[in-house]
Amino acid sequence: MLRTLALTALAVLAAACVDPSATDYDAVAREGLVLSLTASPAAIAPGDTARLVARLANHNDHAVRLDFSSGCQILPYVESAEGQVVYPYGGGWGCTAALTSLTLAAGEVREVAYVWTGQSYDYDRKTFAPIYTPLPAGSYRAHVVLSGGLGADRVELRSNTEALTLR
């Protein structure tokens, strides 16, 4: 029974990786896709938030489909002046183990917004209650990355860097 279930799961996974309409998309388009980031406000005080907006624009005259091996598609990062990742907390994203895709029509722009609080996160080891600690005042920088596609169709994009200041 367990073996049958495992084989069925593998067959479903394999079928999900095949896109019968692949000819409708330019899976290898690297040029024409632009990933950018804006941050507002650029300076925040303790308790305030900065809104980070990632924009993925398809400047091609055809649709582009990107396939991902996880639920993570466009990921924000904030680094200290020394280059240490302070967001996401712990330095890296935990992503769902699910195949996902992102399709942009010709000329389409997709926006994803994130909020940065200027705090680090931890949790109480006994109660598992969250502990938020303000980061030190100073200069930080933010960017977003997109990493999608499989094999030769892999696309890696990194946005511009936005300066952030904690007062």
Foldseek 3Di string as FASTA:
>chain_A
DVVVVVVVVVVVVVVVVDDPVPVQADLQDQPQWAKAWDWPPQEDEQPDKIKIKIKIWRQDQGKHKWKAQWPDFKFKWKAAPVGQTQPPAPRDDDTHRDIDMDMAGHGGMDMDMDMDRQWHWDADPPPRHIDTGHDDWDKMKMKMWGWTDDDSSIYIDIYDIRIHTYD
